[in-house]
C-alpha atoms as a PDB file:
ATOM      1  CA  MET A   1      39.900  52.322 -15.862  1.00  0.00           C
ATOM      2  CA  SER A   2      38.682  49.151 -14.183  1.00  0.00           C
ATOM      3  CA  THR A   3      40.587  45.661 -13.590  1.00  0.00           C
ATOM      4  CA  ILE A   4      38.874  42.291 -13.907  1.00  0.00           C
ATOM      5  CA  TYR A   5      39.012  39.885 -11.136  1.00  0.00           C
ATOM      6  CA  PRO A   6      39.029  36.045 -11.210  1.00  0.00           C
ATOM      7  CA  HIS A   7      35.308  35.425  -9.928  1.00  0.00           C
ATOM      8  CA  GLY A   8      34.151  38.059 -12.598  1.00  0.00           C
ATOM      9  CA  GLU A   9      34.485  41.134 -10.507  1.00  0.00           C
ATOM     10  CA  TYR A  10      35.009  44.637 -11.474  1.00  0.00           C
ATOM     11  CA  ARG A  11      36.479  47.250  -9.617  1.00  0.00           C
ATOM     12  CA  VAL A  12      37.220  50.834 -10.772  1.00  0.00           C
ATOM     13  CA  ILE A  13      40.848  51.516  -9.452  1.00  0.00           C
ATOM     14  CA  ALA A  14      40.804  55.060 -10.897  1.00  0.00           C
ATOM     15  CA  PHE A  15      37.690  56.416  -9.456  1.00  0.00           C
ATOM     16  CA  GLU A  16      38.508  54.639  -5.909  1.00  0.00           C
ATOM     17  CA  LYS A  17      42.159  56.267  -6.043  1.00  0.00           C
ATOM     18  CA  GLN A  18      40.196  59.841  -7.028  1.00  0.00           C
ATOM     19  CA  ARG A  19      37.643  59.535  -4.105  1.00  0.00           C
ATOM     20  CA  TYR A  20      40.410  58.874  -1.203  1.00  0.00           C
ATOM     21  CA  MET A  21      43.062  61.129  -2.524  1.00  0.00           C
ATOM     22  CA  THR A  22      40.353  63.958  -2.860  1.00  0.00           C
ATOM     23  CA  ALA A  23      38.985  63.297   0.792  1.00  0.00           C
ATOM     24  CA  PHE A  24      41.660  62.666   2.729  1.00  0.00           C
ATOM     25  CA  PRO A  25      43.145  66.039   2.661  1.00  0.00           C
ATOM     26  CA  LYS A  26      39.753  67.586   3.365  1.00  0.00           C
ATOM     27  CA  THR A  27      39.242  65.274   6.496  1.00  0.00           C
ATOM     28  CA  TRP A  28      42.874  65.746   7.448  1.00  0.00           C
ATOM     29  CA  LEU A  29      43.152  69.532   6.941  1.00  0.00           C
ATOM     30  CA  LEU A  30      39.856  69.561   9.377  1.00  0.00           C
ATOM     31  CA  ALA A  31      41.233  66.969  11.872  1.00  0.00           C
ATOM     32  CA  LEU A  32      44.342  69.189  12.199  1.00  0.00           C
ATOM     33  CA  GLY A  33      42.322  72.557  12.871  1.00  0.00           C
ATOM     34  CA  ALA A  34      39.973  70.964  15.751  1.00  0.00           C
ATOM     35  CA  THR A  35      43.473  69.892  16.720  1.00  0.00           C
ATOM     36  CA  ALA A  36      45.198  72.724  17.034  1.00  0.00           C
ATOM     37  CA  LEU A  37      42.058  74.057  18.793  1.00  0.00           C
ATOM     38  CA  LEU A  38      41.980  71.751  21.347  1.00  0.00           C
ATOM     39  CA  CYS A  39      45.669  72.388  22.262  1.00  0.00           C
ATOM     40  CA  ALA A  40      45.158  75.870  22.089  1.00  0.00           C
ATOM     41  CA  PHE A  41      42.642  76.032  24.897  1.00  0.00           C
ATOM     42  CA  SER A  42      44.714  73.198  26.645  1.00  0.00           C
ATOM     43  CA  LEU A  43      47.449  75.037  26.797  1.00  0.00           C
ATOM     44  CA  TYR A  44      46.081  78.355  28.192  1.00  0.00           C
ATOM     45  CA  PHE A  45      43.034  76.691  30.296  1.00  0.00           C
ATOM     46  CA  LEU A  46      43.613  72.830  31.199  1.00  0.00           C
ATOM     47  CA  ASP A  47      47.058  72.199  31.215  1.00  0.00           C
ATOM     48  CA  ARG A  48      48.474  73.795  34.305  1.00  0.00           C
ATOM     49  CA  SER A  49      45.398  73.763  36.656  1.00  0.00           C
ATOM     50  CA  ILE A  50      45.367  70.081  35.615  1.00  0.00           C
ATOM     51  CA  ALA A  51      49.040  69.620  35.843  1.00  0.00           C
ATOM     52  CA  ASP A  52      48.721  71.000  39.535  1.00  0.00           C
ATOM     53  CA  THR A  53      45.829  69.010  40.517  1.00  0.00           C
ATOM     54  CA  VAL A  54      47.545  65.803  39.659  1.00  0.00           C
ATOM     55  CA  GLY A  55      51.229  67.025  40.576  1.00  0.00           C
ATOM     56  CA  GLU A  56      50.833  65.970  44.295  1.00  0.00           C
ATOM     57  CA  PHE A  57      49.763  62.338  43.401  1.00  0.00           C
ATOM     58  CA  ALA A  58      51.446  61.922  40.508  1.00  0.00           C
ATOM     59  CA  ARG A  59      53.515  58.222  40.044  1.00  0.00           C
ATOM     60  CA  LEU A  60      52.000  57.086  43.855  1.00  0.00           C
ATOM     61  CA  SER A  61      50.236  53.784  42.177  1.00  0.00           C
ATOM     62  CA  TYR A  62      51.538  51.707  39.440  1.00  0.00           C
ATOM     63  CA  LEU A  63      48.331  52.203  37.302  1.00  0.00           C
ATOM     64  CA  ASP A  64      50.081  54.938  35.194  1.00  0.00           C
ATOM     65  CA  LEU A  65      53.376  52.857  34.991  1.00  0.00           C
ATOM     66  CA  PHE A  66      51.630  49.933  33.198  1.00  0.00           C
ATOM     67  CA  ALA A  67      50.034  52.228  30.872  1.00  0.00           C
ATOM     68  CA  THR A  68      53.633  52.836  29.719  1.00  0.00           C
ATOM     69  CA  VAL A  69      54.037  49.480  29.675  1.00  0.00           C
ATOM     70  CA  ILE A  70      51.114  48.908  27.647  1.00  0.00           C
ATOM     71  CA  ALA A  71      52.160  51.461  24.875  1.00  0.00           C
ATOM     72  CA  GLU A  72      55.786  50.369  24.824  1.00  0.00           C
ATOM     73  CA  SER A  73      54.989  46.774  24.333  1.00  0.00           C
ATOM     74  CA  VAL A  74      53.566  47.890  20.763  1.00  0.00           C
ATOM     75  CA  ILE A  75      57.374  48.274  19.795  1.00  0.00           C
ATOM     76  CA  PRO A  76      58.600  44.533  20.232  1.00  0.00           C
ATOM     77  CA  ILE A  77      54.925  43.248  18.790  1.00  0.00           C
ATOM     78  CA  SER A  78      55.568  45.334  15.766  1.00  0.00           C
ATOM     79  CA  THR A  79      58.878  44.263  15.645  1.00  0.00           C
ATOM     80  CA  ILE A  80      57.862  40.554  15.528  1.00  0.00           C
ATOM     81  CA  ALA A  81      55.005  41.164  12.840  1.00  0.00           C
ATOM     82  CA  ILE A  82      57.252  42.498  10.310  1.00  0.00           C
ATOM     83  CA  VAL A  83      59.954  40.284  10.976  1.00  0.00           C
ATOM     84  CA  TYR A  84      57.008  37.535  10.627  1.00  0.00           C
ATOM     85  CA  TYR A  85      55.549  38.921   7.577  1.00  0.00           C
ATOM     86  CA  CYS A  86      59.134  39.354   5.501  1.00  0.00           C
ATOM     87  CA  VAL A  87      59.975  36.221   6.307  1.00  0.00           C
ATOM     88  CA  GLN A  88      56.898  34.523   4.992  1.00  0.00           C
ATOM     89  CA  TRP A  89      56.850  36.821   1.804  1.00  0.00           C
ATOM     90  CA  THR A  90      60.476  35.422   0.956  1.00  0.00           C
ATOM     91  CA  ARG A  91      59.498  32.208   1.256  1.00  0.00           C
ATOM     92  CA  GLY A  92      56.172  32.352  -0.818  1.00  0.00           C
ATOM     93  CA  ILE A  93      53.942  31.785   1.441  1.00  0.00           C
ATOM     94  CA  ASP A  94      50.471  33.060   1.441  1.00  0.00           C
ATOM     95  CA  VAL A  95      50.339  35.778   4.489  1.00  0.00           C
ATOM     96  CA  ALA A  96      46.771  35.741   6.277  1.00  0.00           C
ATOM     97  CA  ARG A  97      45.045  38.856   5.965  1.00  0.00           C
ATOM     98  CA  GLY A  98      45.070  39.213   9.385  1.00  0.00           C
ATOM     99  CA  ALA A  99      48.683  38.868   9.856  1.00  0.00           C
ATOM    100  CA  GLU A 100      49.221  41.497   6.944  1.00  0.00           C
ATOM    101  CA  THR A 101      46.947  43.986   9.112  1.00  0.00           C
ATOM    102  CA  LEU A 102      48.997  43.658  11.772  1.00  0.00           C
ATOM    103  CA  MET A 103      52.113  44.452   9.814  1.00  0.00           C
ATOM    104  CA  ILE A 104      50.714  47.413   8.373  1.00  0.00           C
ATOM    105  CA  ALA A 105      49.590  48.969  11.689  1.00  0.00           C
ATOM    106  CA  SER A 106      53.400  48.024  12.857  1.00  0.00           C
ATOM    107  CA  CYS A 107      54.637  49.878   9.898  1.00  0.00           C
ATOM    108  CA  THR A 108      52.657  53.070  10.354  1.00  0.00           C
ATOM    109  CA  MET A 109      53.220  53.131  14.270  1.00  0.00           C
ATOM    110  CA  PHE A 110      57.358  53.100  13.665  1.00  0.00           C
ATOM    111  CA  CYS A 111      56.726  55.883  10.787  1.00  0.00           C
ATOM    112  CA  ALA A 112      54.570  58.028  13.461  1.00  0.00           C
ATOM    113  CA  PHE A 113      57.223  57.332  16.029  1.00  0.00           C
ATOM    114  CA  ALA A 114      59.947  58.304  14.376  1.00  0.00           C
ATOM    115  CA  LEU A 115      58.465  61.416  12.793  1.00  0.00           C
ATOM    116  CA  ASN A 116      57.466  62.021  16.092  1.00  0.00           C
ATOM    117  CA  GLU A 117      60.693  61.672  17.922  1.00  0.00           C
ATOM    118  CA  LEU A 118      63.157  62.952  15.004  1.00  0.00           C
ATOM    119  CA  LEU A 119      61.105  65.992  13.950  1.00  0.00           C
ATOM    120  CA  LEU A 120      57.861  67.182  15.862  1.00  0.00           C
ATOM    121  CA  LYS A 121      59.684  66.799  19.526  1.00  0.00           C
ATOM    122  CA  GLN A 122      62.485  68.850  18.145  1.00  0.00           C
ATOM    123  CA  LEU A 123      60.296  71.226  16.319  1.00  0.00           C
ATOM    124  CA  PHE A 124      58.180  72.562  19.458  1.00  0.00           C
ATOM    125  CA  GLY A 125      60.891  72.199  22.043  1.00  0.00           C
ATOM    126  CA  ARG A 126      57.688  71.621  24.473  1.00  0.00           C
ATOM    127  CA  LEU A 127      59.078  72.227  28.074  1.00  0.00           C
ATOM    128  CA  SER A 128      57.933  68.855  30.095  1.00  0.00           C
ATOM    129  CA  LEU A 129      55.834  68.721  32.655  1.00  0.00           C
ATOM    130  CA  TRP A 130      58.640  67.691  35.115  1.00  0.00           C
ATOM    131  CA  ALA A 131      59.732  71.050  34.448  1.00  0.00           C
ATOM    132  CA  TYR A 132      56.807  72.968  35.260  1.00  0.00           C
ATOM    133  CA  LEU A 133      56.368  71.080  38.247  1.00  0.00           C
ATOM    134  CA  HIS A 134      60.078  71.428  39.751  1.00  0.00           C
ATOM    135  CA  GLN A 135      61.228  74.283  38.395  1.00  0.00           C
ATOM    136  CA  GLY A 136      57.808  76.754  37.202  1.00  0.00           C
ATOM    137  CA  ARG A 137      59.016  76.477  33.665  1.00  0.00           C
ATOM    138  CA  TYR A 138      56.113  76.540  30.962  1.00  0.00           C
ATOM    139  CA  GLY A 139      55.642  76.571  27.199  1.00  0.00           C
ATOM    140  CA  PHE A 140      57.859  76.016  24.153  1.00  0.00           C
ATOM    141  CA  ASP A 141      61.543  76.818  22.995  1.00  0.00           C
ATOM    142  CA  PRO A 142      61.073  75.940  19.423  1.00  0.00           C
ATOM    143  CA  PHE A 143      63.963  74.095  17.795  1.00  0.00           C
ATOM    144  CA  HIS A 144      65.714  73.164  20.978  1.00  0.00           C
ATOM    145  CA  GLY A 145      64.248  69.504  21.721  1.00  0.00           C
ATOM    146  CA  SER A 146      66.092  67.882  24.508  1.00  0.00           C
ATOM    147  CA  GLN A 147      65.013  65.852  27.307  1.00  0.00           C
ATOM    148  CA  MET A 148      63.565  68.286  29.034  1.00  0.00           C
ATOM    149  CA  MET A 149      61.703  69.625  26.063  1.00  0.00           C
ATOM    150  CA  SER A 150      60.565  66.529  24.464  1.00  0.00           C
ATOM    151  CA  GLY A 151      56.835  65.840  25.607  1.00  0.00           C
ATOM    152  CA  PHE A 152      54.636  67.571  22.620  1.00  0.00           C
ATOM    153  CA  PRO A 153      53.355  65.384  21.136  1.00  0.00           C
ATOM    154  CA  SER A 154      52.790  62.249  23.376  1.00  0.00           C
ATOM    155  CA  GLY A 155      55.303  59.358  21.918  1.00  0.00           C
ATOM    156  CA  HIS A 156      53.366  56.692  24.312  1.00  0.00           C
ATOM    157  CA  THR A 157      50.046  58.048  22.581  1.00  0.00           C
ATOM    158  CA  VAL A 158      51.248  58.314  19.050  1.00  0.00           C
ATOM    159  CA  MET A 159      52.580  54.466  19.263  1.00  0.00           C
ATOM    160  CA  VAL A 160      49.299  53.467  20.693  1.00  0.00           C
ATOM    161  CA  VAL A 161      46.906  55.207  18.578  1.00  0.00           C
ATOM    162  CA  ALA A 162      48.811  54.942  15.456  1.00  0.00           C
ATOM    163  CA  PHE A 163      48.634  51.212  15.763  1.00  0.00           C
ATOM    164  CA  LEU A 164      45.322  50.418  16.976  1.00  0.00           C
ATOM    165  CA  SER A 165      43.660  53.023  14.376  1.00  0.00           C
ATOM    166  CA  VAL A 166      44.831  50.479  11.857  1.00  0.00           C
ATOM    167  CA  LEU A 167      43.310  47.837  13.582  1.00  0.00           C
ATOM    168  CA  TRP A 168      40.222  50.090  14.101  1.00  0.00           C
ATOM    169  CA  ARG A 169      39.753  49.973  10.302  1.00  0.00           C
ATOM    170  CA  TYR A 170      40.428  46.730   9.376  1.00  0.00           C
ATOM    171  CA  ILE A 171      39.843  44.362  12.487  1.00  0.00           C
ATOM    172  CA  PRO A 172      36.489  46.063  13.741  1.00  0.00           C
ATOM    173  CA  ARG A 173      34.810  43.735  15.645  1.00  0.00           C
ATOM    174  CA  TRP A 174      37.293  44.308  18.484  1.00  0.00           C
ATOM    175  CA  ARG A 175      36.784  47.981  18.632  1.00  0.00           C
ATOM    176  CA  ILE A 176      35.340  48.506  22.179  1.00  0.00           C
ATOM    177  CA  PHE A 177      38.758  47.153  23.673  1.00  0.00           C
ATOM    178  CA  TYR A 178      40.826  49.321  21.148  1.00  0.00           C
ATOM    179  CA  ALA A 179      39.083  52.329  22.497  1.00  0.00           C
ATOM    180  CA  ALA A 180      39.528  51.236  26.267  1.00  0.00           C
ATOM    181  CA  ILE A 181      43.172  50.752  25.624  1.00  0.00           C
ATOM    182  CA  ALA A 182      43.928  54.282  24.168  1.00  0.00           C
ATOM    183  CA  SER A 183      41.765  55.980  26.788  1.00  0.00           C
ATOM    184  CA  TYR A 184      43.556  54.009  29.433  1.00  0.00           C
ATOM    185  CA  VAL A 185      46.867  55.207  28.405  1.00  0.00           C
ATOM    186  CA  SER A 186      46.031  58.745  27.501  1.00  0.00           C
ATOM    187  CA  ILE A 187      44.296  59.185  30.816  1.00  0.00           C
ATOM    188  CA  MET A 188      47.028  57.481  32.687  1.00  0.00           C
ATOM    189  CA  LEU A 189      49.808  59.674  31.306  1.00  0.00           C
ATOM    190  CA  VAL A 190      47.843  62.453  32.249  1.00  0.00           C
ATOM    191  CA  ALA A 191      47.075  61.202  35.860  1.00  0.00           C
ATOM    192  CA  GLY A 192      50.616  59.791  36.261  1.00  0.00           C
ATOM    193  CA  GLY A 193      52.166  63.145  35.469  1.00  0.00           C
ATOM    194  CA  TRP A 194      53.756  62.091  32.270  1.00  0.00           C
ATOM    195  CA  HIS A 195      52.104  64.617  29.818  1.00  0.00           C
ATOM    196  CA  PHE A 196      50.076  67.668  29.687  1.00  0.00           C
ATOM    197  CA  VAL A 197      47.097  67.495  28.118  1.00  0.00           C
ATOM    198  CA  SER A 198      47.576  69.211  25.093  1.00  0.00           C
ATOM    199  CA  GLU A 199      50.200  66.901  24.375  1.00  0.00           C
ATOM    200  CA  ILE A 200      47.651  63.824  24.353  1.00  0.00           C
ATOM    201  CA  PHE A 201      45.700  65.846  21.998  1.00  0.00           C
ATOM    202  CA  ALA A 202      48.616  66.123  19.686  1.00  0.00           C
ATOM    203  CA  GLY A 203      49.491  62.425  20.035  1.00  0.00           C
ATOM    204  CA  ILE A 204      46.062  61.335  19.248  1.00  0.00           C
ATOM    205  CA  PHE A 205      45.732  63.516  15.998  1.00  0.00           C
ATOM    206  CA  LEU A 206      49.307  62.005  15.123  1.00  0.00           C
ATOM    207  CA  GLY A 207      48.493  58.556  15.566  1.00  0.00           C
ATOM    208  CA  LEU A 208      44.991  58.885  13.390  1.00  0.00           C
ATOM    209  CA  ALA A 209      46.613  60.782  10.445  1.00  0.00           C
ATOM    210  CA  ALA A 210      48.977  58.008  10.366  1.00  0.00           C
ATOM    211  CA  GLY A 211      46.077  55.193  10.497  1.00  0.00           C
ATOM    212  CA  MET A 212      44.438  57.503   7.727  1.00  0.00           C
ATOM    213  CA  VAL A 213      47.007  57.745   5.647  1.00  0.00           C
ATOM    214  CA  ALA A 214      48.315  53.862   5.851  1.00  0.00           C
ATOM    215  CA  SER A 215      44.434  52.654   5.305  1.00  0.00           C
ATOM    216  CA  SER A 216      43.911  55.479   2.361  1.00  0.00           C
ATOM    217  CA  LEU A 217      47.178  53.884   0.390  1.00  0.00           C
ATOM    218  CA  ARG A 218      45.967  49.876   1.285  1.00  0.00           C
ATOM    219  CA  SER A 219      42.854  50.894   0.162  1.00  0.00           C
ATOM    220  CA  THR A 220      43.878  52.357  -3.031  1.00  0.00           C
ATOM    221  CA  SER A 221      46.382  49.875  -4.114  1.00  0.00           C
END
């Protein structure tokens, strides 16, 4: 089954859908398995040692605070992008492809953020890095998410990676910039005493998975 486009171009929609729907689950499962192994390794061998190392120096500079500002700035940027797209659409004005990509990245970020905050953090109930450094408490208390048990996965990492992963796919010329921003935020969240390393790994996976879903849906639409 194919669709004929105005300039005589043919695209086999059925084939494209089948290709994406068969490739995505395999890629997702491999990434999930790799992330689970990384998180398990970090939980047992990295989290506490790195937390002890950075604990004395955490939050002594504004570099980590700047990282959180970068991550949280994605929220107003995404809100503006979605509002702009909706206004243009209701007025019947064609939206540039870049603006459409920005809108998709924004929706992807909000969906990933909501899933993380409303479900995953509550499900895992990971004791925060602050609880470890100041109370000596470490581990998980599933289904008991609270302010002290809401670090896994890292919400800031999820927002940044979900947003940038869509831009990475559709606006590739800025990939070095995207990688630099995501790396800076991830490193500073650990160095500043905001998150354990395993929480960053989980946040990266969730953000990338959200971007993969968005890209797959767009490619088959």
